[in-house]
Protein backbone atom coordinates (compact mmCIF):
# COMPACT_ATOMS: atom_id res chain seq x y z
CA MET A 1 -21.41 1.72 4.92
CA ALA A 2 -24.83 3.32 4.84
CA LYS A 3 -26.70 3.83 1.59
CA GLU A 4 -26.29 7.59 1.79
CA ASP A 5 -22.49 7.11 1.86
CA LEU A 6 -22.42 5.50 -1.62
CA ILE A 7 -20.89 7.34 -4.56
CA LYS A 8 -22.45 7.03 -8.02
CA GLN A 9 -20.43 7.65 -11.19
CA ASP A 10 -21.29 7.18 -14.86
CA GLY A 11 -18.77 5.55 -17.14
CA VAL A 12 -18.16 3.72 -20.41
CA VAL A 13 -16.81 0.19 -20.78
CA ALA A 14 -13.33 0.67 -22.22
CA GLU A 15 -12.33 -3.01 -22.40
CA ALA A 16 -14.04 -6.35 -21.82
CA LEU A 17 -11.84 -8.75 -19.86
CA SER A 18 -12.26 -12.41 -18.97
CA ASN A 19 -14.61 -13.73 -16.25
CA ALA A 20 -17.21 -10.95 -16.65
CA ASN A 21 -14.70 -8.24 -15.73
CA PHE A 22 -14.50 -4.88 -17.46
CA LYS A 23 -12.26 -1.83 -17.47
CA VAL A 24 -14.56 1.17 -17.17
CA GLN A 25 -13.54 4.76 -17.86
CA LEU A 26 -15.43 7.18 -15.63
CA GLU A 27 -16.53 10.67 -16.66
CA ASN A 28 -13.67 12.16 -14.63
CA GLY A 29 -11.09 10.14 -16.62
CA HIS A 30 -10.30 7.50 -13.99
CA ILE A 31 -10.25 3.86 -15.12
CA ILE A 32 -11.61 1.24 -12.72
CA LEU A 33 -12.08 -2.52 -12.73
CA ALA A 34 -15.74 -3.60 -12.63
CA SER A 35 -17.29 -7.05 -12.53
CA SER A 36 -20.78 -7.96 -13.69
CA THR A 37 -23.13 -9.98 -11.49
CA ASP A 38 -26.22 -11.96 -12.37
CA THR A 39 -28.36 -8.96 -11.31
CA SER A 40 -26.79 -6.87 -14.12
CA LYS A 41 -25.32 -4.34 -11.68
CA PHE A 42 -21.63 -3.58 -11.49
CA LYS A 43 -19.43 -4.19 -8.47
CA THR A 44 -16.37 -1.99 -8.71
CA THR A 45 -12.89 -2.30 -7.34
CA ILE A 46 -10.62 0.71 -7.20
């Protein structure tokens, strides 16, 4: 996937889970699972 194919969304952490995982509610209302890395960026799984 090229960089120009990436999608950026803003969201709010709705729930902190174990193992540096979070439930994040996006601006459009969808809730996704995100995990924090040591670079303080989020990797998301939909």
